[in-house]
Amino acid sequence: MSLLRKFARPLLGASFIANGVDRLRNTDDASARIESTLEEIGSLVTQAEPLVSNPKLTTQVLGGVEVVAGVALATGRFPRAAALMLTGVHKFDSYVEYRTAELESDADVTAQRSTLLKNVSILGGLWLAVVDLDGKPSLGWRAEHLAKNTRKKGAQFGDKTFKWADDFGNGATKKVRDFEKNAKKNFQRAERDALKAINNASKGAKKSAQGAKKKVGA
């Protein structure tokens, strides 16, 4: 982990940990703040009925997610998954703040605008944490880089082999060329299979991430 990540992740996770602890300690007050929003969500999404019907339980779940995911992000344990869960909770909290804000004066409107900008900024930081590969390239890049290195080494090996075969006459050279042709076919087939497997794995990971994001958002 780089020095920047070592400090940035705890800073990003700290507010969620504190908010989660506050939710768990003051469940009644926290559930009262989100009750009207839960009712609104329940009227739009019937599948959310179990959450809407028990605001206290929902508050406890949100608080637990914030604490666990915040600690995971701060310590660098599964940071991308933790950031994804916190993204869902933060979206919900941002909507609650916007939905329940009391706008009785120009100062209240200005405060709401500032809060909205702050929440959007935090959301941007969470999105960066979700896609952060900790300095490591993606699977696609690594597969392509490996294929290029393999081709380069294969070409070097082929040049040396032909030089050796020339010393033994045309018969040896012909056999080497036949062997090279078959090897190229096998390599291309293996390369296609590997890239296909990587693409399938990447699609599966994206679907799982989207499914988890929908569950958290619900």
Protein backbone atom coordinates (compact mmCIF):
# COMPACT_ATOMS: atom_id res chain seq x y z
CA MET A 1 0.00 0.00 0.00
CA SER A 2 1.39 3.41 -0.95
CA LEU A 3 1.85 6.17 1.63
CA LEU A 4 -1.00 8.17 0.06
CA ARG A 5 -3.45 5.28 0.33
CA LYS A 6 -2.28 4.57 3.88
CA PHE A 7 -3.56 7.98 4.97
CA ALA A 8 -6.38 8.58 2.45
CA ARG A 9 -8.38 5.45 3.22
CA PRO A 10 -8.61 6.05 7.00
CA LEU A 11 -9.60 9.67 6.36
CA LEU A 12 -12.36 8.55 4.00
CA GLY A 13 -13.61 5.82 6.31
CA ALA A 14 -13.46 7.82 9.57
CA SER A 15 -16.69 9.78 9.08
CA PHE A 16 -18.62 6.62 8.22
CA ILE A 17 -17.32 4.82 11.31
CA ALA A 18 -18.32 7.75 13.53
CA ASN A 19 -21.74 8.03 11.90
CA GLY A 20 -22.31 4.27 12.21
CA VAL A 21 -21.41 4.28 15.91
CA ASP A 22 -23.77 7.22 16.47
CA ARG A 23 -26.57 5.34 14.71
CA LEU A 24 -26.09 2.28 16.88
CA ARG A 25 -25.95 4.33 20.09
CA ASN A 26 -28.95 6.55 19.26
CA THR A 27 -31.12 4.20 17.27
CA ASP A 28 -34.42 5.86 18.21
CA ASP A 29 -33.40 9.34 17.07
CA ALA A 30 -31.67 8.04 13.93
CA SER A 31 -34.66 5.89 12.92
CA ALA A 32 -37.01 8.85 13.38
CA ARG A 33 -34.93 10.88 10.91
CA ILE A 34 -35.20 8.26 8.18
CA GLU A 35 -38.74 7.03 8.80
CA SER A 36 -40.47 9.38 6.35
CA THR A 37 -37.90 8.62 3.66
CA LEU A 38 -38.37 4.88 4.17
CA GLU A 39 -42.11 5.28 3.77
CA GLU A 40 -41.55 7.17 0.52
CA ILE A 41 -39.22 4.44 -0.77
CA GLY A 42 -41.70 1.76 0.29
CA SER A 43 -44.46 3.39 -1.74
CA LEU A 44 -42.24 3.31 -4.82
CA VAL A 45 -40.50 -0.05 -4.31
CA THR A 46 -42.74 -2.78 -2.91
CA GLN A 47 -39.76 -5.11 -2.42
CA ALA A 48 -38.44 -2.72 0.24
CA GLU A 49 -41.40 -3.39 2.54
CA PRO A 50 -39.36 -5.41 5.12
CA LEU A 51 -37.02 -2.44 5.57
CA VAL A 52 -39.78 0.16 5.62
CA SER A 53 -41.84 -1.67 8.22
CA ASN A 54 -39.01 -1.64 10.78
CA PRO A 55 -37.08 1.66 10.77
CA LYS A 56 -35.10 0.76 13.91
CA LEU A 57 -33.81 -2.47 12.40
CA THR A 58 -32.95 -0.64 9.18
CA THR A 59 -31.07 1.98 11.19
CA GLN A 60 -29.11 -0.71 13.03
CA VAL A 61 -28.25 -2.45 9.75
CA LEU A 62 -27.07 0.82 8.19
CA GLY A 63 -25.02 1.63 11.27
CA GLY A 64 -23.44 -1.83 11.29
CA VAL A 65 -22.59 -1.58 7.59
CA GLU A 66 -20.98 1.82 8.11
CA VAL A 67 -18.84 0.61 11.01
CA VAL A 68 -17.73 -2.66 9.40
CA ALA A 69 -17.19 -1.25 5.91
CA GLY A 70 -15.57 1.91 7.30
CA VAL A 71 -13.07 -0.12 9.33
CA ALA A 72 -12.39 -2.38 6.34
CA LEU A 73 -11.73 0.63 4.11
CA ALA A 74 -9.55 2.34 6.72
CA THR A 75 -7.41 -0.76 7.27
CA GLY A 76 -7.21 -1.71 3.58
CA ARG A 77 -9.13 -4.98 4.00
CA PHE A 78 -11.26 -5.54 0.87
CA PRO A 79 -11.25 -1.76 0.27
CA ARG A 80 -13.10 -1.86 -3.05
CA ALA A 81 -15.98 -3.94 -1.69
CA ALA A 82 -16.10 -1.77 1.45
CA ALA A 83 -16.20 1.41 -0.64
CA LEU A 84 -19.02 -0.05 -2.75
CA MET A 85 -21.13 -0.74 0.35
CA LEU A 86 -20.43 2.71 1.74
CA THR A 87 -21.46 4.22 -1.60
CA GLY A 88 -24.94 2.74 -1.22
CA VAL A 89 -25.30 3.95 2.37
CA HIS A 90 -23.98 7.41 1.49
CA LYS A 91 -26.47 7.78 -1.36
CA PHE A 92 -29.31 6.94 1.00
CA ASP A 93 -28.08 9.35 3.69
CA SER A 94 -27.58 12.13 1.14
CA TYR A 95 -31.14 11.71 -0.07
CA VAL A 96 -32.45 11.74 3.51
CA GLU A 97 -30.57 14.98 4.24
CA TYR A 98 -31.87 16.60 1.06
CA ARG A 99 -35.40 15.29 1.60
CA THR A 100 -35.78 16.38 5.23
CA ALA A 101 -33.91 19.70 5.11
CA GLU A 102 -35.91 22.62 6.51
CA LEU A 103 -35.75 25.55 4.10
CA GLU A 104 -37.14 28.54 5.99
CA SER A 105 -34.64 31.16 4.89
CA ASP A 106 -31.98 31.95 2.32
CA ALA A 107 -29.36 30.79 4.83
CA ASP A 108 -31.03 27.37 4.95
CA VAL A 109 -30.94 27.13 1.16
CA THR A 110 -27.25 28.03 1.14
CA ALA A 111 -26.54 25.45 3.85
CA GLN A 112 -28.42 22.78 1.89
CA ARG A 113 -26.42 23.59 -1.23
CA SER A 114 -23.15 23.31 0.70
CA THR A 115 -24.21 20.00 2.22
CA LEU A 116 -25.16 18.66 -1.20
CA LEU A 117 -21.77 19.64 -2.66
CA LYS A 118 -20.01 18.02 0.30
CA ASN A 119 -21.97 14.79 -0.17
CA VAL A 120 -21.24 14.74 -3.90
CA SER A 121 -17.53 15.22 -3.19
CA ILE A 122 -17.52 12.31 -0.73
CA LEU A 123 -19.38 10.19 -3.27
CA GLY A 124 -16.68 10.96 -5.83
CA GLY A 125 -14.01 9.83 -3.36
CA LEU A 126 -15.88 6.58 -2.74
CA TRP A 127 -16.17 5.92 -6.48
CA LEU A 128 -12.41 6.38 -6.82
CA ALA A 129 -11.92 3.90 -3.98
CA VAL A 130 -14.22 1.41 -5.72
CA VAL A 131 -12.16 1.41 -8.94
CA ASP A 132 -8.76 1.76 -7.21
CA LEU A 133 -6.63 -1.28 -8.06
CA ASP A 134 -3.97 -0.41 -5.47
CA GLY A 135 -1.43 0.34 -8.21
CA LYS A 136 -1.95 -3.01 -9.91
CA PRO A 137 -3.02 -3.17 -13.57
CA SER A 138 -6.29 -4.79 -14.57
CA LEU A 139 -6.57 -8.44 -15.56
CA GLY A 140 -7.09 -7.47 -19.20
CA TRP A 141 -3.90 -5.40 -19.29
CA ARG A 142 -1.89 -8.15 -17.60
CA ALA A 143 -3.21 -10.77 -20.03
CA GLU A 144 -2.34 -8.62 -23.05
CA HIS A 145 1.11 -7.80 -21.64
CA LEU A 146 1.78 -11.49 -20.96
CA ALA A 147 0.72 -12.39 -24.50
CA LYS A 148 3.09 -9.78 -26.00
CA ASN A 149 6.01 -11.02 -23.90
CA THR A 150 5.25 -14.60 -24.88
CA ARG A 151 5.17 -13.70 -28.58
CA LYS A 152 8.47 -11.82 -28.26
CA LYS A 153 10.18 -14.69 -26.46
CA GLY A 154 8.70 -17.15 -28.95
CA ALA A 155 10.12 -15.15 -31.88
CA GLN A 156 13.55 -15.04 -30.25
CA PHE A 157 13.44 -18.76 -29.62
CA GLY A 158 12.40 -19.38 -33.23
CA ASP A 159 15.32 -17.36 -34.64
CA LYS A 160 17.83 -19.29 -32.55
CA THR A 161 16.26 -22.62 -33.49
CA PHE A 162 16.42 -21.87 -37.23
CA LYS A 163 20.10 -20.98 -36.90
CA TRP A 164 20.77 -24.31 -35.24
CA ALA A 165 18.67 -26.17 -37.82
CA ASP A 166 20.61 -24.61 -40.72
CA ASP A 167 23.74 -26.37 -39.46
CA PHE A 168 22.00 -29.73 -39.93
CA GLY A 169 20.64 -29.15 -43.44
CA ASN A 170 17.32 -28.45 -45.18
CA GLY A 171 15.56 -31.45 -43.63
CA ALA A 172 16.01 -30.15 -40.11
CA THR A 173 14.95 -26.64 -41.15
CA LYS A 174 11.72 -27.98 -42.69
CA LYS A 175 10.87 -29.88 -39.52
CA VAL A 176 11.48 -26.80 -37.40
CA ARG A 177 9.21 -24.73 -39.65
CA ASP A 178 6.45 -27.34 -39.37
CA PHE A 179 6.88 -27.40 -35.61
CA GLU A 180 6.74 -23.60 -35.45
CA LYS A 181 3.56 -23.52 -37.53
CA ASN A 182 1.83 -26.02 -35.23
CA ALA A 183 3.09 -24.20 -32.15
CA LYS A 184 1.68 -20.88 -33.41
CA LYS A 185 -1.71 -22.46 -33.99
CA ASN A 186 -1.73 -23.97 -30.51
CA PHE A 187 -0.60 -20.69 -28.96
CA GLN A 188 -3.28 -18.67 -30.76
CA ARG A 189 -5.91 -21.15 -29.64
CA ALA A 190 -4.68 -20.99 -26.04
CA GLU A 191 -4.55 -17.18 -26.20
CA ARG A 192 -8.16 -16.99 -27.40
CA ASP A 193 -9.30 -19.36 -24.65
CA ALA A 194 -7.42 -17.38 -22.00
CA LEU A 195 -8.84 -14.03 -23.14
CA LYS A 196 -12.33 -15.53 -23.28
CA ALA A 197 -11.98 -16.86 -19.74
CA ILE A 198 -10.73 -13.48 -18.50
CA ASN A 199 -13.62 -11.63 -20.17
CA ASN A 200 -16.15 -14.06 -18.67
CA ALA A 201 -14.59 -13.64 -15.23
CA SER A 202 -14.63 -9.84 -15.59
CA LYS A 203 -18.31 -9.86 -16.63
CA GLY A 204 -19.17 -12.12 -13.70
CA ALA A 205 -17.36 -9.81 -11.27
CA LYS A 206 -19.18 -6.76 -12.68
CA LYS A 207 -22.57 -8.50 -12.35
CA SER A 208 -21.79 -9.47 -8.75
CA ALA A 209 -20.71 -5.90 -7.95
CA GLN A 210 -23.87 -4.48 -9.55
CA GLY A 211 -26.02 -6.96 -7.64
CA ALA A 212 -24.36 -6.03 -4.36
CA LYS A 213 -24.76 -2.33 -5.19
CA LYS A 214 -28.50 -2.80 -5.87
CA LYS A 215 -28.97 -4.67 -2.59
CA VAL A 216 -27.20 -1.95 -0.63
CA GLY A 217 -29.14 0.77 -2.46
CA ALA A 218 -32.42 -1.02 -1.70
